[in-house]
Each structure stands twice: as C-alpha cells, then as structure tokens.
C-alpha cells in the first residue's frame, strides 16, 4: 500500500488507468450507435481522453474534487502505454478544456489552464421568461462526474442581440448564462485588494447577476486576468484611494490588448466630477457616487451589461 503522498498519486494513476483500459471496448460500442460531438470526463476518467482522441472529437476534463488530479497523469500514462501507442501517443493528451472547481486564488502555481465551474446557487435561479433559446446542445458522452462544455477556441459567451425581459429576482441572461461581474476593491497600488461591499454583492445576487470576487492581485493586470479567466461580462472597480485614472485606464488598455474590449468597465468610489468625464471619454461606462444605493447599481447593470459585453 502507498505510504507517501506521491505514492498515493501514482497508485491512483495506475489503478484508474487500468479501469480506463478495461472500459474502452464498451465505449467503442456505445460510440458506434451514438457518436458524440464531444466527450466529457471526470478528473481520473482517463478513458474519456482515449475515446475522444480515437473518435477525433474535443475532450473536456472536469474536476470532481479540489485535489490536484493532473498529478496522477504520469502514472496513468505509464499504465496506458499499450493503448496510447495505438493512438500514436506517448502520454495522455491534454484536454481541449479543463473545468476546475478549486478557487482561482488557491490553485497551485503549476496547475494547468482551466475554466472555473459554474455552480448552481441562489444567484442562478430558474431562468423562466428570460431564458434564451439557442441552438441544439451538442451530444456528449458523459463519464464519471462529467458535464458538457465548450471546446477550447470557442467563444465563452455570445450575448443575445434580442431584448431581455426578466422578472425581478431572475437572472439577466446572456446566451450562456447570467451576467457575470468581477468585483474589485483595490488597495494602494492594486497589488492587494479587499472584498467588495457585501451590500452591493447582495444587490447583484438579488437581481440575478453573478458577482465574482476578484483575487488578491487587484492590479490592472490581475483584474484583467481574472476577467478573462472567468469569462466575465463586466468588471466593477471601487476606487477610494485616488488612483482611479491608473486603475480604470490600465484595465481598459489591457482588456483591449487581450481582445476583450467588449467587457463593460464601471465602478465608483471617491472620484472627482472632472475626472469622471475624463474616465468616460476613455471608455469607462459609468462611475457611481459613493451614495448610490446598491439596488440602483444593480438596476443599471441589468439595463446596460450583457447585450454587447463579454470576453
């Protein structure tokens, strides 16, 4: 039995690798009768990677817990050498999309690129009248814990061009889900930040808007990285330290460089009236005064974000 953490990872990789090899015949038979458009597999459902490669369809890997599952890949690749050689590979293929559930701020530095999972909760109520009816969802061969997802390279969010009419409390929907806003409250220099005001976050959730707290790095580069990683429609910056020109301007410039210029940038705090005009000329959509009620900000987001915004 394994005695060290590394031995446990190797043991799991070999064990789940052998299970994957034993699953291939059944998966091939399934694919003969129902060919998938993509294959989704859980953290150690290594058969998903094999069958997707064999069929030539995208492969999505979905984490089923907060462990570093990819660290089992070397041992699994060793176990699956016969199967991999048949595919012309020497190791397990990387997924086209990795969906993780570990918070971005807690992911290890060597973690592979990932899209954070969207978990149903109080801010993702049943869409009701405002649900957008798009194209047919692609079929997906689902393995342990799998969920369908979009292949890498696909646009994460394609906002609807139709007016959205929602009842109070229902999520304001772009085509792929509720409006998502990264919330930032940078401290001096933006190298660190604190949580956005709970009253504003609560107002967003009541309005059916997903509020995503920015991570520890709330510099312009850090905020833009979070926006792109989270597929956000907007970023809300609370500036209280007189650094609004550097913060807002830096975020706008970096969004443009990343090809995410459609993301709506707005915020508030202590910003002189003369500077508000300058910021709006630069592309900031709205600056709210410190006395603006949270519900009014949420109402503005419902009215102005999501129809032409997003990464």
C-alpha atoms as a PDB file:
ATOM      1  CA  UNK A   1       0.000   0.000   0.000  1.00  0.00           C
ATOM      2  CA  UNK A   2       1.202   3.568  -0.686  1.00  0.00           C
ATOM      3  CA  UNK A   3       2.848   5.333   2.237  1.00  0.00           C
ATOM      4  CA  UNK A   4       3.701   8.793   0.883  1.00  0.00           C
ATOM      5  CA  UNK A   5       1.571  11.406  -0.960  1.00  0.00           C
ATOM      6  CA  UNK A   6       3.468  10.767  -4.204  1.00  0.00           C
ATOM      7  CA  UNK A   7       2.976   7.025  -3.873  1.00  0.00           C
ATOM      8  CA  UNK A   8      -0.747   7.614  -3.378  1.00  0.00           C
ATOM      9  CA  UNK A   9      -0.894   9.674  -6.578  1.00  0.00           C
ATOM     10  CA  UNK A  10       0.991   7.007  -8.519  1.00  0.00           C
ATOM     11  CA  UNK A  11      -1.220   4.268  -7.104  1.00  0.00           C
ATOM     12  CA  UNK A  12      -4.371   6.173  -8.122  1.00  0.00           C
ATOM     13  CA  UNK A  13      -2.984   6.857 -11.592  1.00  0.00           C
ATOM     14  CA  UNK A  14      -2.181   3.192 -12.238  1.00  0.00           C
ATOM     15  CA  UNK A  15      -5.471   1.975 -10.781  1.00  0.00           C
ATOM     16  CA  UNK A  16      -7.690   4.384 -12.710  1.00  0.00           C
ATOM     17  CA  UNK A  17      -5.558   3.870 -15.806  1.00  0.00           C
ATOM     18  CA  UNK A  18      -6.276   0.129 -15.681  1.00  0.00           C
ATOM     19  CA  UNK A  19     -10.002   0.880 -15.268  1.00  0.00           C
ATOM     20  CA  UNK A  20      -9.818   3.114 -18.342  1.00  0.00           C
ATOM     21  CA  UNK A  21      -8.246   0.374 -20.418  1.00  0.00           C
ATOM     22  CA  UNK A  22     -10.995  -2.018 -19.362  1.00  0.00           C
ATOM     23  CA  UNK A  23     -13.688   0.479 -20.382  1.00  0.00           C
ATOM     24  CA  UNK A  24     -12.606   1.057 -23.967  1.00  0.00           C
ATOM     25  CA  UNK A  25     -14.496  -1.777 -25.676  1.00  0.00           C
ATOM     26  CA  UNK A  26     -17.792  -0.719 -24.102  1.00  0.00           C
ATOM     27  CA  UNK A  27     -17.201   2.914 -25.047  1.00  0.00           C
ATOM     28  CA  UNK A  28     -16.411   1.979 -28.642  1.00  0.00           C
ATOM     29  CA  UNK A  29     -19.641   0.006 -28.865  1.00  0.00           C
ATOM     30  CA  UNK A  30     -21.564   2.970 -27.460  1.00  0.00           C
ATOM     31  CA  UNK A  31     -19.946   5.326 -29.961  1.00  0.00           C
ATOM     32  CA  UNK A  32     -20.956   3.037 -32.852  1.00  0.00           C
ATOM     33  CA  UNK A  33     -24.617   3.596 -32.000  1.00  0.00           C
ATOM     34  CA  UNK A  34     -24.365   7.179 -30.726  1.00  0.00           C
ATOM     35  CA  UNK A  35     -21.385   9.167 -31.885  1.00  0.00           C
ATOM     36  CA  UNK A  36     -20.754  12.108 -29.521  1.00  0.00           C
ATOM     37  CA  UNK A  37     -19.874  15.658 -30.549  1.00  0.00           C
ATOM     38  CA  UNK A  38     -17.535  15.892 -27.564  1.00  0.00           C
ATOM     39  CA  UNK A  39     -16.506  13.738 -24.632  1.00  0.00           C
ATOM     40  CA  UNK A  40     -16.541  14.891 -21.011  1.00  0.00           C
ATOM     41  CA  UNK A  41     -14.625  13.001 -18.355  1.00  0.00           C
ATOM     42  CA  UNK A  42     -14.093  13.418 -14.635  1.00  0.00           C
ATOM     43  CA  UNK A  43     -10.728  14.037 -13.004  1.00  0.00           C
ATOM     44  CA  UNK A  44      -9.411  10.497 -13.428  1.00  0.00           C
ATOM     45  CA  UNK A  45     -11.746   9.185 -16.125  1.00  0.00           C
ATOM     46  CA  UNK A  46      -8.788   8.574 -18.405  1.00  0.00           C
ATOM     47  CA  UNK A  47     -10.933   6.594 -20.832  1.00  0.00           C
ATOM     48  CA  UNK A  48     -12.574   9.890 -21.816  1.00  0.00           C
ATOM     49  CA  UNK A  49      -9.267  11.196 -23.164  1.00  0.00           C
ATOM     50  CA  UNK A  50      -8.626   7.956 -25.052  1.00  0.00           C
ATOM     51  CA  UNK A  51     -12.042   7.614 -26.691  1.00  0.00           C
ATOM     52  CA  UNK A  52     -12.140  11.316 -27.622  1.00  0.00           C
ATOM     53  CA  UNK A  53      -8.753  11.021 -29.336  1.00  0.00           C
ATOM     54  CA  UNK A  54      -9.830   7.834 -31.088  1.00  0.00           C
ATOM     55  CA  UNK A  55     -13.042   9.472 -32.355  1.00  0.00           C
ATOM     56  CA  UNK A  56     -11.362  12.774 -33.210  1.00  0.00           C
ATOM     57  CA  UNK A  57     -13.732  14.875 -31.090  1.00  0.00           C
ATOM     58  CA  UNK A  58     -12.971  17.503 -28.395  1.00  0.00           C
ATOM     59  CA  UNK A  59     -12.217  16.287 -24.895  1.00  0.00           C
ATOM     60  CA  UNK A  60     -13.329  18.177 -21.768  1.00  0.00           C
ATOM     61  CA  UNK A  61     -11.902  17.260 -18.371  1.00  0.00           C
ATOM     62  CA  UNK A  62     -13.964  18.203 -15.321  1.00  0.00           C
ATOM     63  CA  UNK A  63     -12.557  18.179 -11.803  1.00  0.00           C
ATOM     64  CA  UNK A  64     -14.680  16.228  -9.360  1.00  0.00           C
ATOM     65  CA  UNK A  65     -12.908  17.473  -6.228  1.00  0.00           C
ATOM     66  CA  UNK A  66     -10.307  20.065  -5.217  1.00  0.00           C
ATOM     67  CA  UNK A  67      -7.361  17.669  -5.432  1.00  0.00           C
ATOM     68  CA  UNK A  68      -4.554  18.090  -7.961  1.00  0.00           C
ATOM     69  CA  UNK A  69      -5.830  15.265 -10.183  1.00  0.00           C
ATOM     70  CA  UNK A  70      -3.429  16.041 -13.014  1.00  0.00           C
ATOM     71  CA  UNK A  71      -0.588  14.817 -10.824  1.00  0.00           C
ATOM     72  CA  UNK A  72      -1.903  11.281 -11.416  1.00  0.00           C
ATOM     73  CA  UNK A  73      -1.428  11.640 -15.187  1.00  0.00           C
ATOM     74  CA  UNK A  74       2.200  10.385 -15.399  1.00  0.00           C
ATOM     75  CA  UNK A  75       1.365   7.107 -13.648  1.00  0.00           C
ATOM     76  CA  UNK A  76      -1.814   6.702 -15.724  1.00  0.00           C
ATOM     77  CA  UNK A  77       0.172   7.313 -18.917  1.00  0.00           C
ATOM     78  CA  UNK A  78       2.635   4.631 -17.845  1.00  0.00           C
ATOM     79  CA  UNK A  79      -0.215   2.190 -17.219  1.00  0.00           C
ATOM     80  CA  UNK A  80      -1.872   3.001 -20.544  1.00  0.00           C
ATOM     81  CA  UNK A  81       1.203   2.730 -22.784  1.00  0.00           C
ATOM     82  CA  UNK A  82      -0.295  -0.038 -24.997  1.00  0.00           C
ATOM     83  CA  UNK A  83      -3.455   1.985 -25.597  1.00  0.00           C
ATOM     84  CA  UNK A  84      -1.539   5.221 -26.141  1.00  0.00           C
ATOM     85  CA  UNK A  85       0.844   3.621 -28.641  1.00  0.00           C
ATOM     86  CA  UNK A  86      -2.151   2.545 -30.733  1.00  0.00           C
ATOM     87  CA  UNK A  87      -3.120   6.234 -30.895  1.00  0.00           C
ATOM     88  CA  UNK A  88       0.415   7.341 -31.729  1.00  0.00           C
ATOM     89  CA  UNK A  89       0.881   8.996 -28.326  1.00  0.00           C
ATOM     90  CA  UNK A  90       3.394   8.586 -25.543  1.00  0.00           C
ATOM     91  CA  UNK A  91       1.305  10.245 -22.833  1.00  0.00           C
ATOM     92  CA  UNK A  92      -2.293  11.167 -22.129  1.00  0.00           C
ATOM     93  CA  UNK A  93      -3.481  14.067 -24.313  1.00  0.00           C
ATOM     94  CA  UNK A  94      -4.243  17.440 -22.776  1.00  0.00           C
ATOM     95  CA  UNK A  95      -7.960  18.297 -22.659  1.00  0.00           C
ATOM     96  CA  UNK A  96      -9.398  20.896 -25.009  1.00  0.00           C
ATOM     97  CA  UNK A  97     -10.974  22.418 -21.903  1.00  0.00           C
ATOM     98  CA  UNK A  98     -10.320  21.777 -18.213  1.00  0.00           C
ATOM     99  CA  UNK A  99     -13.137  22.725 -15.836  1.00  0.00           C
ATOM    100  CA  UNK A 100     -11.878  23.140 -12.281  1.00  0.00           C
ATOM    101  CA  UNK A 101     -13.732  23.631  -9.002  1.00  0.00           C
ATOM    102  CA  UNK A 102     -10.783  24.874  -6.937  1.00  0.00           C
ATOM    103  CA  UNK A 103     -11.000  28.665  -6.342  1.00  0.00           C
ATOM    104  CA  UNK A 104      -8.620  30.545  -8.618  1.00  0.00           C
ATOM    105  CA  UNK A 105      -6.768  32.090  -5.689  1.00  0.00           C
ATOM    106  CA  UNK A 106      -5.991  28.632  -4.247  1.00  0.00           C
ATOM    107  CA  UNK A 107      -4.845  26.854  -7.416  1.00  0.00           C
ATOM    108  CA  UNK A 108      -1.184  25.744  -7.375  1.00  0.00           C
ATOM    109  CA  UNK A 109       1.260  27.732  -9.483  1.00  0.00           C
ATOM    110  CA  UNK A 110       1.851  24.729 -11.746  1.00  0.00           C
ATOM    111  CA  UNK A 111      -1.840  23.976 -12.256  1.00  0.00           C
ATOM    112  CA  UNK A 112      -2.901  23.631 -15.916  1.00  0.00           C
ATOM    113  CA  UNK A 113      -5.080  26.337 -17.508  1.00  0.00           C
ATOM    114  CA  UNK A 114      -8.714  25.932 -16.510  1.00  0.00           C
ATOM    115  CA  UNK A 115     -12.186  27.414 -16.688  1.00  0.00           C
ATOM    116  CA  UNK A 116     -13.879  27.687 -13.300  1.00  0.00           C
ATOM    117  CA  UNK A 117     -17.033  25.640 -12.899  1.00  0.00           C
ATOM    118  CA  UNK A 118     -20.351  27.487 -12.620  1.00  0.00           C
ATOM    119  CA  UNK A 119     -22.135  26.021  -9.596  1.00  0.00           C
ATOM    120  CA  UNK A 120     -25.910  26.399  -9.290  1.00  0.00           C
ATOM    121  CA  UNK A 121     -26.866  28.545  -6.333  1.00  0.00           C
ATOM    122  CA  UNK A 122     -29.052  31.369  -5.109  1.00  0.00           C
ATOM    123  CA  UNK A 123     -27.869  33.617  -7.918  1.00  0.00           C
ATOM    124  CA  UNK A 124     -28.718  31.083 -10.644  1.00  0.00           C
ATOM    125  CA  UNK A 125     -32.451  30.686 -10.289  1.00  0.00           C
ATOM    126  CA  UNK A 126     -34.610  29.091 -12.906  1.00  0.00           C
ATOM    127  CA  UNK A 127     -34.457  31.322 -15.950  1.00  0.00           C
ATOM    128  CA  UNK A 128     -38.196  31.447 -16.612  1.00  0.00           C
ATOM    129  CA  UNK A 129     -39.263  34.109 -19.076  1.00  0.00           C
ATOM    130  CA  UNK A 130     -35.756  35.387 -19.694  1.00  0.00           C
ATOM    131  CA  UNK A 131     -34.216  32.061 -20.735  1.00  0.00           C
ATOM    132  CA  UNK A 132     -32.631  32.347 -24.141  1.00  0.00           C
ATOM    133  CA  UNK A 133     -33.304  29.521 -26.536  1.00  0.00           C
ATOM    134  CA  UNK A 134     -30.179  28.936 -28.583  1.00  0.00           C
ATOM    135  CA  UNK A 135     -29.012  26.145 -30.846  1.00  0.00           C
ATOM    136  CA  UNK A 136     -29.298  22.472 -30.008  1.00  0.00           C
ATOM    137  CA  UNK A 137     -26.830  21.467 -27.331  1.00  0.00           C
ATOM    138  CA  UNK A 138     -24.199  19.053 -28.633  1.00  0.00           C
ATOM    139  CA  UNK A 139     -24.454  15.449 -27.556  1.00  0.00           C
ATOM    140  CA  UNK A 140     -21.823  14.447 -25.019  1.00  0.00           C
ATOM    141  CA  UNK A 141     -20.500  11.098 -23.905  1.00  0.00           C
ATOM    142  CA  UNK A 142     -20.509  11.557 -20.130  1.00  0.00           C
ATOM    143  CA  UNK A 143     -18.138   9.741 -17.866  1.00  0.00           C
ATOM    144  CA  UNK A 144     -17.808   9.941 -14.095  1.00  0.00           C
ATOM    145  CA  UNK A 145     -18.857  13.372 -12.899  1.00  0.00           C
ATOM    146  CA  UNK A 146     -18.812  14.827 -16.401  1.00  0.00           C
ATOM    147  CA  UNK A 147     -20.644  17.901 -17.657  1.00  0.00           C
ATOM    148  CA  UNK A 148     -20.814  19.165 -21.219  1.00  0.00           C
ATOM    149  CA  UNK A 149     -18.587  22.144 -22.025  1.00  0.00           C
ATOM    150  CA  UNK A 150     -17.291  24.121 -24.972  1.00  0.00           C
ATOM    151  CA  UNK A 151     -14.109  23.133 -26.795  1.00  0.00           C
ATOM    152  CA  UNK A 152     -11.080  25.382 -26.482  1.00  0.00           C
ATOM    153  CA  UNK A 153     -11.191  28.198 -29.000  1.00  0.00           C
ATOM    154  CA  UNK A 154     -14.946  28.596 -28.799  1.00  0.00           C
ATOM    155  CA  UNK A 155     -16.261  31.957 -27.643  1.00  0.00           C
ATOM    156  CA  UNK A 156     -17.139  31.587 -23.982  1.00  0.00           C
ATOM    157  CA  UNK A 157     -20.071  33.979 -24.123  1.00  0.00           C
ATOM    158  CA  UNK A 158     -22.050  35.152 -27.121  1.00  0.00           C
ATOM    159  CA  UNK A 159     -24.524  37.703 -25.769  1.00  0.00           C
ATOM    160  CA  UNK A 160     -28.009  37.776 -27.169  1.00  0.00           C
ATOM    161  CA  UNK A 161     -28.921  40.539 -29.566  1.00  0.00           C
ATOM    162  CA  UNK A 162     -32.568  40.296 -28.523  1.00  0.00           C
ATOM    163  CA  UNK A 163     -34.071  42.414 -25.726  1.00  0.00           C
ATOM    164  CA  UNK A 164     -34.096  40.549 -22.435  1.00  0.00           C
ATOM    165  CA  UNK A 165     -37.196  40.852 -20.281  1.00  0.00           C
ATOM    166  CA  UNK A 166     -36.829  39.290 -16.859  1.00  0.00           C
ATOM    167  CA  UNK A 167     -38.934  39.317 -13.768  1.00  0.00           C
ATOM    168  CA  UNK A 168     -37.319  40.640 -10.610  1.00  0.00           C
ATOM    169  CA  UNK A 169     -35.044  38.099  -8.996  1.00  0.00           C
ATOM    170  CA  UNK A 170     -34.469  36.069 -12.165  1.00  0.00           C
ATOM    171  CA  UNK A 171     -31.004  36.065 -13.715  1.00  0.00           C
ATOM    172  CA  UNK A 172     -30.326  38.504 -16.517  1.00  0.00           C
ATOM    173  CA  UNK A 173     -29.152  36.147 -19.220  1.00  0.00           C
ATOM    174  CA  UNK A 174     -26.625  36.434 -21.946  1.00  0.00           C
ATOM    175  CA  UNK A 175     -26.714  33.386 -24.234  1.00  0.00           C
ATOM    176  CA  UNK A 176     -24.531  31.234 -21.998  1.00  0.00           C
ATOM    177  CA  UNK A 177     -25.965  32.249 -18.624  1.00  0.00           C
ATOM    178  CA  UNK A 178     -26.421  35.080 -16.128  1.00  0.00           C
ATOM    179  CA  UNK A 179     -24.405  38.285 -16.407  1.00  0.00           C
ATOM    180  CA  UNK A 180     -21.091  37.876 -14.577  1.00  0.00           C
ATOM    181  CA  UNK A 181     -19.361  40.840 -12.954  1.00  0.00           C
ATOM    182  CA  UNK A 182     -15.891  40.730 -11.402  1.00  0.00           C
ATOM    183  CA  UNK A 183     -15.970  42.817  -8.216  1.00  0.00           C
ATOM    184  CA  UNK A 184     -12.787  44.646  -7.223  1.00  0.00           C
ATOM    185  CA  UNK A 185     -11.832  46.949  -4.370  1.00  0.00           C
ATOM    186  CA  UNK A 186      -8.083  47.559  -4.833  1.00  0.00           C
ATOM    187  CA  UNK A 187      -5.866  48.857  -2.072  1.00  0.00           C
ATOM    188  CA  UNK A 188      -2.845  51.103  -2.684  1.00  0.00           C
ATOM    189  CA  UNK A 189      -1.130  50.175  -5.937  1.00  0.00           C
ATOM    190  CA  UNK A 190      -3.639  47.425  -6.624  1.00  0.00           C
ATOM    191  CA  UNK A 191      -1.191  44.724  -5.548  1.00  0.00           C
ATOM    192  CA  UNK A 192      -3.714  43.678  -2.928  1.00  0.00           C
ATOM    193  CA  UNK A 193      -7.407  44.160  -2.543  1.00  0.00           C
ATOM    194  CA  UNK A 194     -10.303  43.618  -0.203  1.00  0.00           C
ATOM    195  CA  UNK A 195     -13.725  42.151  -0.767  1.00  0.00           C
ATOM    196  CA  UNK A 196     -16.370  44.245  -2.492  1.00  0.00           C
ATOM    197  CA  UNK A 197     -19.083  45.734  -0.244  1.00  0.00           C
ATOM    198  CA  UNK A 198     -21.463  42.946   0.869  1.00  0.00           C
ATOM    199  CA  UNK A 199     -24.471  45.192   0.263  1.00  0.00           C
ATOM    200  CA  UNK A 200     -23.530  45.614  -3.389  1.00  0.00           C
ATOM    201  CA  UNK A 201     -22.779  41.919  -3.854  1.00  0.00           C
ATOM    202  CA  UNK A 202     -26.131  41.123  -2.241  1.00  0.00           C
ATOM    203  CA  UNK A 203     -27.960  43.554  -4.514  1.00  0.00           C
ATOM    204  CA  UNK A 204     -26.373  41.916  -7.553  1.00  0.00           C
ATOM    205  CA  UNK A 205     -27.430  38.477  -6.431  1.00  0.00           C
ATOM    206  CA  UNK A 206     -30.962  39.653  -5.736  1.00  0.00           C
ATOM    207  CA  UNK A 207     -31.042  40.997  -9.291  1.00  0.00           C
ATOM    208  CA  UNK A 208     -29.878  37.659 -10.705  1.00  0.00           C
ATOM    209  CA  UNK A 209     -26.362  38.907 -11.508  1.00  0.00           C
ATOM    210  CA  UNK A 210     -23.359  36.722 -10.680  1.00  0.00           C
ATOM    211  CA  UNK A 211     -20.842  38.597  -8.527  1.00  0.00           C
ATOM    212  CA  UNK A 212     -17.295  37.177  -8.781  1.00  0.00           C
ATOM    213  CA  UNK A 213     -14.896  38.471  -6.134  1.00  0.00           C
ATOM    214  CA  UNK A 214     -11.512  39.429  -7.580  1.00  0.00           C
ATOM    215  CA  UNK A 215      -8.482  37.621  -6.224  1.00  0.00           C
ATOM    216  CA  UNK A 216      -5.675  39.005  -4.113  1.00  0.00           C
ATOM    217  CA  UNK A 217      -3.923  40.615  -7.088  1.00  0.00           C
ATOM    218  CA  UNK A 218      -6.133  43.580  -7.964  1.00  0.00           C
ATOM    219  CA  UNK A 219      -3.658  45.435 -10.135  1.00  0.00           C
ATOM    220  CA  UNK A 220      -4.959  46.165 -13.670  1.00  0.00           C
ATOM    221  CA  UNK A 221      -3.114  43.086 -14.950  1.00  0.00           C
ATOM    222  CA  UNK A 222      -4.503  40.924 -12.162  1.00  0.00           C
ATOM    223  CA  UNK A 223      -8.063  42.139 -12.713  1.00  0.00           C
ATOM    224  CA  UNK A 224      -7.930  41.584 -16.461  1.00  0.00           C
ATOM    225  CA  UNK A 225      -6.540  38.086 -15.928  1.00  0.00           C
ATOM    226  CA  UNK A 226      -9.493  37.334 -13.643  1.00  0.00           C
ATOM    227  CA  UNK A 227     -11.997  38.797 -16.109  1.00  0.00           C
ATOM    228  CA  UNK A 228     -10.654  36.699 -18.981  1.00  0.00           C
ATOM    229  CA  UNK A 229     -10.333  33.538 -16.894  1.00  0.00           C
ATOM    230  CA  UNK A 230     -13.876  33.865 -15.532  1.00  0.00           C
ATOM    231  CA  UNK A 231     -15.416  34.803 -18.877  1.00  0.00           C
ATOM    232  CA  UNK A 232     -16.936  37.891 -17.241  1.00  0.00           C
ATOM    233  CA  UNK A 233     -19.195  40.417 -18.944  1.00  0.00           C
ATOM    234  CA  UNK A 234     -18.080  43.349 -16.802  1.00  0.00           C
ATOM    235  CA  UNK A 235     -15.698  44.494 -14.088  1.00  0.00           C
ATOM    236  CA  UNK A 236     -16.782  46.769 -11.240  1.00  0.00           C
ATOM    237  CA  UNK A 237     -13.964  48.728  -9.574  1.00  0.00           C
ATOM    238  CA  UNK A 238     -14.396  50.523  -6.271  1.00  0.00           C
ATOM    239  CA  UNK A 239     -11.698  53.225  -6.105  1.00  0.00           C
ATOM    240  CA  UNK A 240     -11.252  55.049  -2.807  1.00  0.00           C
ATOM    241  CA  UNK A 241      -7.558  55.991  -2.847  1.00  0.00           C
ATOM    242  CA  UNK A 242      -7.289  58.484  -5.701  1.00  0.00           C
ATOM    243  CA  UNK A 243      -5.741  56.015  -8.128  1.00  0.00           C
ATOM    244  CA  UNK A 244      -8.804  55.791 -10.375  1.00  0.00           C
ATOM    245  CA  UNK A 245      -7.083  57.026 -13.537  1.00  0.00           C
ATOM    246  CA  UNK A 246      -4.333  54.401 -13.314  1.00  0.00           C
ATOM    247  CA  UNK A 247      -6.734  51.624 -12.326  1.00  0.00           C
ATOM    248  CA  UNK A 248      -9.514  52.217 -14.836  1.00  0.00           C
ATOM    249  CA  UNK A 249      -7.148  53.284 -17.601  1.00  0.00           C
ATOM    250  CA  UNK A 250      -4.877  50.309 -17.056  1.00  0.00           C
ATOM    251  CA  UNK A 251      -7.797  47.856 -17.097  1.00  0.00           C
ATOM    252  CA  UNK A 252      -9.195  49.364 -20.312  1.00  0.00           C
ATOM    253  CA  UNK A 253      -5.826  49.211 -22.059  1.00  0.00           C
ATOM    254  CA  UNK A 254      -5.136  45.619 -21.040  1.00  0.00           C
ATOM    255  CA  UNK A 255      -8.630  44.452 -21.972  1.00  0.00           C
ATOM    256  CA  UNK A 256      -8.094  45.904 -25.441  1.00  0.00           C
ATOM    257  CA  UNK A 257      -4.720  44.145 -25.696  1.00  0.00           C
ATOM    258  CA  UNK A 258      -6.336  40.830 -24.721  1.00  0.00           C
ATOM    259  CA  UNK A 259      -9.081  41.244 -27.322  1.00  0.00           C
ATOM    260  CA  UNK A 260     -11.679  41.729 -24.586  1.00  0.00           C
ATOM    261  CA  UNK A 261     -12.624  45.318 -25.300  1.00  0.00           C
ATOM    262  CA  UNK A 262     -16.321  44.431 -25.175  1.00  0.00           C
ATOM    263  CA  UNK A 263     -16.143  43.877 -21.419  1.00  0.00           C
ATOM    264  CA  UNK A 264     -18.015  46.664 -19.648  1.00  0.00           C
ATOM    265  CA  UNK A 265     -15.882  48.622 -17.163  1.00  0.00           C
ATOM    266  CA  UNK A 266     -17.658  50.611 -14.462  1.00  0.00           C
ATOM    267  CA  UNK A 267     -17.285  51.445 -10.819  1.00  0.00           C
ATOM    268  CA  UNK A 268     -17.458  54.121  -8.189  1.00  0.00           C
ATOM    269  CA  UNK A 269     -15.918  55.447  -5.030  1.00  0.00           C
ATOM    270  CA  UNK A 270     -14.217  58.772  -4.425  1.00  0.00           C
ATOM    271  CA  UNK A 271     -13.785  60.203  -7.921  1.00  0.00           C
ATOM    272  CA  UNK A 272     -13.866  63.989  -8.586  1.00  0.00           C
ATOM    273  CA  UNK A 273     -16.530  65.131 -11.042  1.00  0.00           C
ATOM    274  CA  UNK A 274     -13.928  66.421 -13.510  1.00  0.00           C
ATOM    275  CA  UNK A 275     -12.194  63.045 -13.510  1.00  0.00           C
ATOM    276  CA  UNK A 276     -15.460  61.222 -14.171  1.00  0.00           C
ATOM    277  CA  UNK A 277     -15.742  62.943 -17.534  1.00  0.00           C
ATOM    278  CA  UNK A 278     -12.151  62.000 -18.379  1.00  0.00           C
ATOM    279  CA  UNK A 279     -12.739  58.359 -17.442  1.00  0.00           C
ATOM    280  CA  UNK A 280     -15.882  58.174 -19.551  1.00  0.00           C
ATOM    281  CA  UNK A 281     -14.013  59.608 -22.515  1.00  0.00           C
ATOM    282  CA  UNK A 282     -11.506  56.808 -22.089  1.00  0.00           C
ATOM    283  CA  UNK A 283     -14.242  54.188 -22.204  1.00  0.00           C
ATOM    284  CA  UNK A 284     -15.486  53.703 -18.645  1.00  0.00           C
ATOM    285  CA  UNK A 285     -19.219  53.032 -18.943  1.00  0.00           C
ATOM    286  CA  UNK A 286     -20.332  54.536 -15.620  1.00  0.00           C
ATOM    287  CA  UNK A 287     -18.971  55.966 -12.373  1.00  0.00           C
ATOM    288  CA  UNK A 288     -21.320  55.900  -9.401  1.00  0.00           C
ATOM    289  CA  UNK A 289     -21.014  58.266  -6.457  1.00  0.00           C
ATOM    290  CA  UNK A 290     -20.399  56.790  -3.017  1.00  0.00           C
ATOM    291  CA  UNK A 291     -24.007  57.486  -2.009  1.00  0.00           C
ATOM    292  CA  UNK A 292     -25.621  55.499  -4.845  1.00  0.00           C
ATOM    293  CA  UNK A 293     -27.967  52.798  -3.469  1.00  0.00           C
ATOM    294  CA  UNK A 294     -26.768  49.264  -4.289  1.00  0.00           C
ATOM    295  CA  UNK A 295     -30.100  48.419  -5.943  1.00  0.00           C
ATOM    296  CA  UNK A 296     -29.607  51.325  -8.373  1.00  0.00           C
ATOM    297  CA  UNK A 297     -26.209  49.959  -9.421  1.00  0.00           C
ATOM    298  CA  UNK A 298     -27.713  46.500  -9.940  1.00  0.00           C
ATOM    299  CA  UNK A 299     -30.533  48.002 -11.993  1.00  0.00           C
ATOM    300  CA  UNK A 300     -28.009  49.826 -14.195  1.00  0.00           C
ATOM    301  CA  UNK A 301     -26.101  46.565 -14.751  1.00  0.00           C
ATOM    302  CA  UNK A 302     -29.312  44.784 -15.762  1.00  0.00           C
ATOM    303  CA  UNK A 303     -30.040  47.539 -18.263  1.00  0.00           C
ATOM    304  CA  UNK A 304     -26.558  48.125 -19.705  1.00  0.00           C
ATOM    305  CA  UNK A 305     -24.479  44.953 -19.433  1.00  0.00           C
ATOM    306  CA  UNK A 306     -24.879  41.685 -21.283  1.00  0.00           C
ATOM    307  CA  UNK A 307     -26.282  42.681 -24.661  1.00  0.00           C
ATOM    308  CA  UNK A 308     -22.926  43.554 -26.216  1.00  0.00           C
ATOM    309  CA  UNK A 309     -20.446  42.776 -23.458  1.00  0.00           C
ATOM    310  CA  UNK A 310     -18.258  39.852 -22.602  1.00  0.00           C
ATOM    311  CA  UNK A 311     -14.947  38.182 -23.283  1.00  0.00           C
END
